[in-house]
Structures are given as structure tokens and as C-alpha cells.
N, C-alpha and C. Protein backbone atom coordinates (compact mmCIF):
# COMPACT_ATOMS: atom_id res chain seq x y z
N MET A 1 0.98 -1.34 -0.23
CA MET A 1 -0.19 0.14 -0.16
C MET A 1 0.95 0.96 0.04
N THR A 2 0.39 2.11 -0.81
CA THR A 2 1.15 3.27 -0.72
C THR A 2 0.50 4.49 0.31
N ASN A 3 1.72 5.29 0.46
CA ASN A 3 1.19 6.47 1.47
C ASN A 3 1.16 8.00 0.72
N ILE A 4 0.33 7.77 -0.14
CA ILE A 4 0.12 8.91 -0.77
C ILE A 4 -1.08 9.98 -0.15
N LEU A 5 -1.74 9.31 0.68
CA LEU A 5 -2.69 9.97 1.45
C LEU A 5 -2.49 10.49 2.89
N PRO A 6 -2.67 11.28 3.25
CA PRO A 6 -2.14 11.89 4.84
C PRO A 6 -2.94 10.81 5.92
N PRO A 7 -2.01 10.82 6.68
CA PRO A 7 -3.07 9.80 7.86
C PRO A 7 -4.30 10.70 8.09
N THR A 8 -5.23 10.09 8.79
CA THR A 8 -6.41 10.97 8.99
C THR A 8 -6.64 11.96 10.10
N SER A 9 -5.63 11.98 11.02
CA SER A 9 -5.18 12.79 11.75
C SER A 9 -5.09 13.79 11.54
N ARG A 10 -4.58 14.04 9.75
CA ARG A 10 -4.24 15.34 9.08
C ARG A 10 -4.78 15.25 7.99
N SER A 11 -6.24 14.67 7.92
CA SER A 11 -7.02 15.03 6.79
C SER A 11 -7.96 16.10 7.22
N LEU A 12 -7.64 17.11 6.07
CA LEU A 12 -8.56 18.18 6.08
C LEU A 12 -9.81 17.99 6.37
N PRO A 13 -10.20 17.23 5.76
CA PRO A 13 -11.89 16.98 5.57
C PRO A 13 -12.52 16.86 7.00
N ILE A 14 -11.72 15.46 7.39
CA ILE A 14 -11.88 14.82 8.50
C ILE A 14 -11.38 16.17 9.97
N ALA A 15 -10.56 16.91 9.91
CA ALA A 15 -10.63 17.95 10.67
C ALA A 15 -11.63 18.82 10.96
N LEU A 16 -11.75 19.41 9.49
CA LEU A 16 -12.84 20.17 9.65
C LEU A 16 -14.19 19.99 9.87
N ILE A 17 -14.71 18.30 10.08
CA ILE A 17 -15.81 17.71 10.50
C ILE A 17 -15.84 17.90 12.43
N ARG A 18 -14.52 17.47 12.51
CA ARG A 18 -14.09 17.47 14.35
C ARG A 18 -14.33 18.54 14.43
N ALA A 19 -13.80 19.89 13.81
CA ALA A 19 -13.82 21.35 14.41
C ALA A 19 -15.48 21.79 14.28
N ARG A 20 -15.99 21.16 13.29
CA ARG A 20 -17.66 22.10 13.46
C ARG A 20 -18.05 21.36 14.55
N GLU A 21 -17.92 20.18 14.77
CA GLU A 21 -18.67 19.41 15.82
C GLU A 21 -18.20 20.34 17.18
N GLY A 22 -16.93 20.72 17.50
CA GLY A 22 -16.40 21.08 18.68
C GLY A 22 -17.30 22.56 18.69
N VAL A 23 -17.54 23.29 17.50
CA VAL A 23 -17.93 24.68 17.28
C VAL A 23 -19.21 24.61 17.38
N MET A 24 -20.35 23.63 17.04
CA MET A 24 -21.53 23.21 17.18
C MET A 24 -21.98 22.91 18.41
N GLY A 25 -21.39 22.49 19.26
CA GLY A 25 -21.60 22.11 20.60
C GLY A 25 -22.19 22.74 21.41
N PRO A 26 -21.81 24.20 21.96
CA PRO A 26 -22.27 25.14 22.74
C PRO A 26 -23.42 25.72 21.96
N ILE A 27 -23.51 25.91 20.49
CA ILE A 27 -24.74 26.05 20.06
C ILE A 27 -25.58 25.61 19.87
N ARG A 28 -25.40 24.09 19.73
CA ARG A 28 -26.96 23.23 19.81
C ARG A 28 -27.16 23.08 21.43
N ASP A 29 -26.40 23.37 22.40
CA ASP A 29 -26.79 23.60 23.54
C ASP A 29 -27.59 24.70 23.71
N MET A 30 -27.28 25.89 23.07
CA MET A 30 -28.04 26.95 23.35
C MET A 30 -29.20 26.85 22.91
N LEU A 31 -29.71 26.38 21.57
CA LEU A 31 -30.55 26.02 20.81
C LEU A 31 -31.61 25.22 20.86
N SER A 32 -31.02 24.41 21.88
CA SER A 32 -31.99 22.82 22.71
C SER A 32 -33.22 23.51 23.68
N GLN A 33 -33.26 24.83 23.95
CA GLN A 33 -34.37 25.56 24.60
C GLN A 33 -34.97 26.71 23.52
N THR A 34 -34.96 26.66 22.66
CA THR A 34 -35.51 27.35 21.37
C THR A 34 -36.77 26.76 20.41
N GLY A 35 -36.40 25.53 20.24
CA GLY A 35 -37.45 24.81 19.43
C GLY A 35 -37.31 25.07 18.05
N ILE A 36 -35.94 25.65 17.84
CA ILE A 36 -35.45 25.93 16.36
C ILE A 36 -34.24 25.00 15.80
N THR A 37 -34.13 24.84 14.65
CA THR A 37 -32.91 23.74 14.57
C THR A 37 -31.66 24.63 14.32
N GLU A 38 -30.60 23.98 14.06
CA GLU A 38 -29.45 24.97 13.48
C GLU A 38 -29.20 25.72 12.20
N GLN A 39 -30.06 24.92 11.26
CA GLN A 39 -30.47 25.70 10.02
C GLN A 39 -31.27 26.72 9.96
N GLN A 40 -32.34 26.91 10.70
CA GLN A 40 -33.48 27.61 10.89
C GLN A 40 -32.59 28.88 11.62
N TRP A 41 -31.57 28.68 12.81
CA TRP A 41 -30.87 29.63 13.68
C TRP A 41 -30.24 30.29 12.36
N ARG A 42 -29.66 29.70 11.37
CA ARG A 42 -28.58 30.40 10.50
C ARG A 42 -29.83 31.44 9.54
N VAL A 43 -30.56 30.93 9.02
CA VAL A 43 -31.87 31.44 8.58
C VAL A 43 -32.15 33.01 9.37
N LEU A 44 -32.11 32.65 10.29
CA LEU A 44 -32.72 33.98 11.39
C LEU A 44 -31.60 34.78 11.46
N ARG A 45 -30.53 34.31 11.53
CA ARG A 45 -29.09 35.38 12.08
C ARG A 45 -28.98 35.93 10.60
N VAL A 46 -28.70 35.68 9.58
CA VAL A 46 -28.70 35.85 8.17
C VAL A 46 -29.78 37.16 8.10
N LEU A 47 -30.75 37.06 8.16
CA LEU A 47 -31.94 37.55 8.03
C LEU A 47 -31.47 39.07 8.84
N ALA A 48 -31.20 38.73 10.39
CA ALA A 48 -31.07 39.91 11.26
C ALA A 48 -29.95 40.52 11.02
N ASP A 49 -28.92 40.18 10.27
CA ASP A 49 -27.66 40.94 9.61
C ASP A 49 -27.94 41.47 8.80
N TYR A 50 -28.49 41.06 7.55
CA TYR A 50 -28.73 41.65 5.96
C TYR A 50 -29.99 42.49 6.10
N GLY A 51 -30.82 41.80 6.72
CA GLY A 51 -32.59 42.35 6.26
C GLY A 51 -33.05 41.59 5.56
N PRO A 52 -34.30 41.85 4.93
CA PRO A 52 -35.06 40.93 3.77
C PRO A 52 -34.19 40.62 2.48
N MET A 53 -34.49 39.49 2.00
CA MET A 53 -33.72 39.23 0.99
C MET A 53 -34.27 38.25 0.30
N ASP A 54 -34.15 38.00 -0.81
CA ASP A 54 -34.54 37.12 -1.74
C ASP A 54 -34.14 35.63 -1.49
N THR A 55 -34.97 34.60 -1.81
CA THR A 55 -34.31 33.30 -1.36
C THR A 55 -33.42 32.62 -1.99
N LYS A 56 -32.63 32.81 -3.16
CA LYS A 56 -31.74 33.00 -3.31
C LYS A 56 -30.45 33.04 -2.75
N THR A 57 -30.45 34.25 -2.70
CA THR A 57 -29.37 34.98 -1.65
C THR A 57 -29.24 34.74 -0.52
N LEU A 58 -30.42 34.26 0.18
CA LEU A 58 -30.48 33.69 1.95
C LEU A 58 -30.08 32.30 1.78
N ALA A 59 -30.42 31.67 0.59
CA ALA A 59 -29.73 30.52 0.82
C ALA A 59 -28.40 30.24 0.61
N ASP A 60 -27.93 31.06 0.00
CA ASP A 60 -26.43 31.33 -0.66
C ASP A 60 -25.49 31.62 1.03
N ARG A 61 -26.09 33.03 1.35
CA ARG A 61 -25.71 33.31 2.55
C ARG A 61 -25.85 32.20 3.87
N SER A 62 -26.94 31.52 3.77
CA SER A 62 -27.20 30.49 5.09
C SER A 62 -26.37 29.13 4.96
N SER A 63 -25.61 29.13 3.64
CA SER A 63 -25.01 28.10 3.46
C SER A 63 -25.97 26.60 3.35
N LEU A 64 -27.06 26.76 2.24
CA LEU A 64 -28.04 26.08 2.42
C LEU A 64 -28.59 25.43 1.08
N LEU A 65 -28.61 24.39 0.85
CA LEU A 65 -29.08 24.29 -0.44
C LEU A 65 -30.73 24.54 -0.77
N PHE A 66 -31.05 25.51 -2.14
CA PHE A 66 -31.98 25.90 -1.96
C PHE A 66 -33.58 25.20 -1.74
N PRO A 67 -33.64 23.85 -1.90
CA PRO A 67 -34.41 22.96 -1.96
C PRO A 67 -34.60 23.09 -0.10
N SER A 68 -33.63 23.08 0.77
CA SER A 68 -33.74 22.73 2.09
C SER A 68 -33.88 24.27 2.91
N LEU A 69 -33.73 25.83 1.76
CA LEU A 69 -34.06 26.51 2.56
C LEU A 69 -35.92 26.94 2.17
N THR A 70 -36.26 26.46 0.85
CA THR A 70 -37.98 26.68 0.51
C THR A 70 -38.38 25.54 1.90
N ARG A 71 -37.88 24.61 2.38
CA ARG A 71 -38.64 23.92 3.32
C ARG A 71 -38.44 24.53 4.76
N ILE A 72 -36.84 25.23 5.34
CA ILE A 72 -36.96 25.86 6.29
C ILE A 72 -37.87 26.95 6.57
N ALA A 73 -37.83 27.46 5.40
CA ALA A 73 -39.11 28.96 5.20
C ALA A 73 -40.24 28.84 5.69
N SER A 74 -40.27 27.43 5.07
CA SER A 74 -41.91 27.34 5.24
C SER A 74 -42.13 27.02 6.92
N THR A 75 -41.40 26.24 7.36
CA THR A 75 -41.42 26.23 8.70
C THR A 75 -41.68 27.21 9.61
N LEU A 76 -40.40 28.10 9.56
CA LEU A 76 -40.36 29.57 10.04
C LEU A 76 -41.38 30.28 9.83
N ARG A 77 -42.01 30.20 8.54
CA ARG A 77 -43.26 31.24 8.38
C ARG A 77 -44.37 30.64 9.22
N THR A 78 -44.79 29.28 9.39
CA THR A 78 -45.70 28.71 10.26
C THR A 78 -45.48 28.98 11.50
N LYS A 79 -44.27 28.92 12.05
CA LYS A 79 -44.16 29.50 13.43
C LYS A 79 -44.03 30.91 13.56
N GLY A 80 -44.10 31.62 12.59
CA GLY A 80 -44.66 32.85 12.92
C GLY A 80 -42.53 33.87 12.87
N LEU A 81 -41.95 33.27 12.44
CA LEU A 81 -40.68 33.96 12.60
C LEU A 81 -40.07 34.75 11.33
N VAL A 82 -40.72 34.28 10.30
CA VAL A 82 -40.24 34.92 9.18
C VAL A 82 -41.62 35.41 8.20
N THR A 83 -41.33 36.30 7.37
CA THR A 83 -42.76 36.50 6.31
C THR A 83 -42.02 36.20 4.95
N GLN A 84 -42.90 36.04 4.06
CA GLN A 84 -42.53 35.85 2.53
C GLN A 84 -43.33 36.46 1.86
N THR A 85 -43.07 37.11 0.94
CA THR A 85 -43.64 37.92 -0.18
C THR A 85 -43.13 37.84 -1.50
N ARG A 86 -44.04 38.26 -2.50
CA ARG A 86 -43.43 38.48 -3.65
C ARG A 86 -42.77 39.98 -3.80
N ASP A 87 -41.88 39.66 -4.51
CA ASP A 87 -40.89 40.91 -5.43
C ASP A 87 -42.02 41.61 -5.73
N THR A 88 -42.16 43.11 -5.43
CA THR A 88 -43.05 43.89 -6.24
C THR A 88 -42.34 44.05 -7.64
N THR A 89 -41.43 44.05 -8.21
CA THR A 89 -40.86 44.24 -9.26
C THR A 89 -40.49 43.14 -10.05
N ASP A 90 -40.10 41.88 -9.48
CA ASP A 90 -40.28 40.68 -10.15
C ASP A 90 -41.09 39.39 -9.57
N ARG A 91 -42.22 39.64 -9.80
CA ARG A 91 -43.40 38.48 -9.17
C ARG A 91 -42.92 37.09 -8.98
N ARG A 92 -41.80 36.64 -9.80
CA ARG A 92 -41.31 35.18 -9.79
C ARG A 92 -40.13 34.89 -8.31
N ARG A 93 -39.90 36.35 -8.01
CA ARG A 93 -38.61 36.37 -6.70
C ARG A 93 -39.61 36.27 -5.59
N GLN A 94 -39.22 35.90 -4.41
CA GLN A 94 -39.98 35.54 -3.19
C GLN A 94 -38.92 36.22 -2.22
N ILE A 95 -39.32 37.11 -1.45
CA ILE A 95 -38.71 38.07 -0.29
C ILE A 95 -39.16 37.21 0.56
N ILE A 96 -37.84 37.09 1.92
CA ILE A 96 -38.32 36.56 3.08
C ILE A 96 -37.71 37.66 4.24
N GLU A 97 -38.46 37.93 4.95
CA GLU A 97 -37.73 38.74 6.09
C GLU A 97 -37.97 38.03 7.43
N ILE A 98 -37.42 38.69 8.65
CA ILE A 98 -37.64 38.20 9.79
C ILE A 98 -39.02 38.99 10.43
N THR A 99 -39.41 38.45 11.69
CA THR A 99 -40.41 39.33 11.93
C THR A 99 -40.05 39.41 13.30
N ARG A 100 -40.76 40.26 14.20
CA ARG A 100 -40.11 40.94 15.60
C ARG A 100 -40.22 39.20 16.52
N THR A 101 -41.12 38.48 16.15
CA THR A 101 -40.86 37.46 17.19
C THR A 101 -39.80 36.53 16.62
N GLY A 102 -39.40 36.54 15.23
CA GLY A 102 -38.17 35.70 14.87
C GLY A 102 -36.83 36.60 15.30
N GLN A 103 -37.07 37.81 15.19
CA GLN A 103 -35.71 39.12 16.18
C GLN A 103 -35.69 38.82 17.31
N LYS A 104 -36.70 38.47 18.14
CA LYS A 104 -36.79 38.27 19.54
C LYS A 104 -35.74 37.12 19.78
N ILE A 105 -36.19 35.94 18.83
CA ILE A 105 -35.12 34.68 19.25
C ILE A 105 -33.87 35.33 19.06
N ILE A 106 -33.36 35.78 18.30
CA ILE A 106 -32.04 36.40 18.09
C ILE A 106 -31.59 37.31 19.24
N ASP A 107 -32.10 38.04 19.59
CA ASP A 107 -32.01 39.05 20.68
C ASP A 107 -32.03 38.66 21.88
N ASP A 108 -32.96 37.72 22.20
CA ASP A 108 -32.67 37.08 23.58
C ASP A 108 -31.52 36.00 23.80
N ARG A 109 -30.64 35.77 22.63
CA ARG A 109 -29.72 35.15 22.76
C ARG A 109 -28.73 35.40 22.35
N ALA A 110 -28.42 36.69 21.90
CA ALA A 110 -27.46 37.77 21.98
C ALA A 110 -26.18 37.30 22.84
N ALA A 111 -26.48 37.54 24.00
CA ALA A 111 -25.50 37.51 24.99
C ALA A 111 -25.36 36.67 25.12
N GLN A 112 -25.67 35.44 25.47
CA GLN A 112 -24.88 33.73 24.93
C GLN A 112 -24.51 33.52 23.85
N THR A 113 -24.83 33.89 22.54
CA THR A 113 -24.08 33.70 21.37
C THR A 113 -22.64 34.21 21.56
N ALA A 114 -22.63 35.53 22.07
CA ALA A 114 -21.53 36.80 22.45
C ALA A 114 -20.44 35.69 23.35
N GLN A 115 -21.08 35.11 24.28
CA GLN A 115 -20.16 34.42 24.96
C GLN A 115 -19.73 33.23 24.29
N ILE A 116 -20.38 32.63 23.51
CA ILE A 116 -19.91 31.23 22.74
C ILE A 116 -18.69 31.68 22.08
N VAL A 117 -18.98 32.84 21.34
CA VAL A 117 -17.86 33.75 20.55
C VAL A 117 -16.69 33.67 21.38
N ALA A 118 -16.65 34.19 22.69
CA ALA A 118 -15.81 34.73 23.34
C ALA A 118 -15.01 33.75 23.59
N ASP A 119 -15.77 32.72 24.25
CA ASP A 119 -14.70 31.42 24.66
C ASP A 119 -14.02 30.92 23.50
N PHE A 120 -14.38 30.94 22.13
CA PHE A 120 -13.58 30.46 21.08
C PHE A 120 -12.39 31.48 21.32
N LYS A 121 -12.57 32.56 21.19
CA LYS A 121 -11.42 33.65 21.33
C LYS A 121 -10.43 33.73 22.14
N THR A 122 -11.07 33.29 23.57
CA THR A 122 -10.16 33.12 24.78
C THR A 122 -9.34 31.46 24.34
N ARG A 123 -10.09 30.92 23.86
CA ARG A 123 -9.24 29.53 23.50
C ARG A 123 -8.18 29.50 22.27
N LEU A 124 -8.35 30.05 21.36
CA LEU A 124 -7.47 30.51 20.56
C LEU A 124 -6.79 31.38 20.02
N GLY A 125 -7.11 32.45 21.09
CA GLY A 125 -6.55 33.74 20.98
C GLY A 125 -7.32 34.76 19.69
N GLN A 126 -6.92 35.72 20.10
CA GLN A 126 -7.96 37.00 19.12
C GLN A 126 -7.23 36.64 17.63
N ASP A 127 -6.10 36.41 17.61
CA ASP A 127 -4.88 36.81 16.36
C ASP A 127 -5.23 35.30 15.71
N LYS A 128 -5.32 34.28 16.56
CA LYS A 128 -5.80 32.82 15.84
C LYS A 128 -6.58 32.63 15.28
N TYR A 129 -8.01 33.33 15.97
CA TYR A 129 -9.43 33.23 15.62
C TYR A 129 -9.56 33.76 14.48
N GLU A 130 -9.41 35.14 14.25
CA GLU A 130 -9.32 36.03 13.14
C GLU A 130 -8.53 35.57 12.02
N THR A 131 -7.41 34.69 12.21
CA THR A 131 -6.93 34.09 11.23
C THR A 131 -7.18 32.79 10.79
N LEU A 132 -7.80 32.17 11.29
CA LEU A 132 -8.74 30.68 11.59
C LEU A 132 -9.75 31.52 10.49
N LEU A 133 -10.63 32.29 10.79
CA LEU A 133 -11.84 32.53 9.73
C LEU A 133 -11.20 33.43 8.35
N ASP A 134 -10.13 33.57 8.55
CA ASP A 134 -9.52 34.26 7.09
C ASP A 134 -9.36 33.33 6.17
N LEU A 135 -8.57 32.25 7.15
CA LEU A 135 -8.01 30.77 6.16
C LEU A 135 -9.36 30.08 5.67
N LEU A 136 -10.48 30.05 6.19
CA LEU A 136 -11.45 29.38 5.90
C LEU A 136 -11.97 29.79 5.29
N ALA A 137 -12.14 31.35 4.72
CA ALA A 137 -12.80 31.93 3.87
C ALA A 137 -12.23 31.59 2.42
N LEU A 138 -11.00 31.44 2.55
CA LEU A 138 -10.02 31.06 1.42
C LEU A 138 -11.03 29.74 0.94
N LEU A 139 -11.21 28.77 1.72
CA LEU A 139 -11.74 27.28 0.97
C LEU A 139 -13.16 27.75 0.36
N ASP A 140 -13.81 28.73 1.08
CA ASP A 140 -15.18 29.02 0.41
C ASP A 140 -15.34 29.30 -0.76
N PRO A 141 -16.30 28.46 -1.59
CA PRO A 141 -15.99 28.88 -3.35
C PRO A 141 -17.17 29.90 -3.34
N GLY A 142 -17.68 30.59 -2.35
CA GLY A 142 -18.47 31.65 -2.60
C GLY A 142 -18.04 33.20 -2.54
N THR A 143 -16.99 32.91 -1.78
CA THR A 143 -16.32 34.24 -1.58
C THR A 143 -14.97 34.32 -2.77
N ASP A 144 -15.09 35.78 -2.70
CA ASP A 144 -13.67 36.17 -3.61
C ASP A 144 -12.52 36.27 -2.96
N LYS A 145 -11.60 35.77 -3.52
CA LYS A 145 -10.10 35.84 -2.76
C LYS A 145 -9.33 36.46 -2.73
């Protein structure tokens, strides 16, 4: 057998999966009391950050496949956390907007979310934290390098 593959302990895909689990653990704990999923949280966070947007842009910014976003948006509408309307200039486009109730979920967890981020910054150090985000952005096919 040849050794052309790195050991799994140095495999980027495996390391990213392990890191994701380490990052998502505290977020899952926080979300366990909300009744919303990680994906729903991402959608609400993106809408809270950027405001109303079309479904394609929202799927991209939330790192979701479009069919998944469609299902998630429907669930969030049912829960009263977002609204969905037709674009006034292009009736084919759907615009999604966070509601006050959806924003309250974000606002009520802002301090806890900030603490989770602060804990990661403490663990890594501010410089390494920022460097990690910059390095990961280089691997994102959706960002300009």
C-alpha cells in the first residue's frame, strides 16, 4: 500500500468535521431551548444581519441548498418567525423577512451567543481566531479571494 494519502489525523475534511462538531456543541446547547434547528438559526441570523432578501441570496448566505431553504422558510413562516412575500418588481422572486418574534429569538440569545464566541476567542487567542476565519474564507467557493 502506498502512502499518498495523509493520515486521517491530518486529513483536512476530517479535521473540519471534528472542528465543526466542537464549534456547534455550545450552539446546539443554546438552541435546545428554542425549538429551532441549527439551520433555522442560520436563516434567522442572516436575515437579522442583512435584512429582507430573496430566497436565492438567503440560501447562499445561510449555506443551505435551495430546496432545504424552501422547506426551512415554510417552517419558519408557520412558526411566525419570518414572512415571505413576492418581490414588487419581479413577481417570480420571493422575499423573506424576519419578524419581530424571529428577531426576539436572536436578541434573547445575543449575550449567550457572544459568550460562545468569546470562549472560542479565549481558547484560540484573538489573532488565531481571526486568522482561522480568514483561512476558512479562502476555502469558501462563494467568496472572492
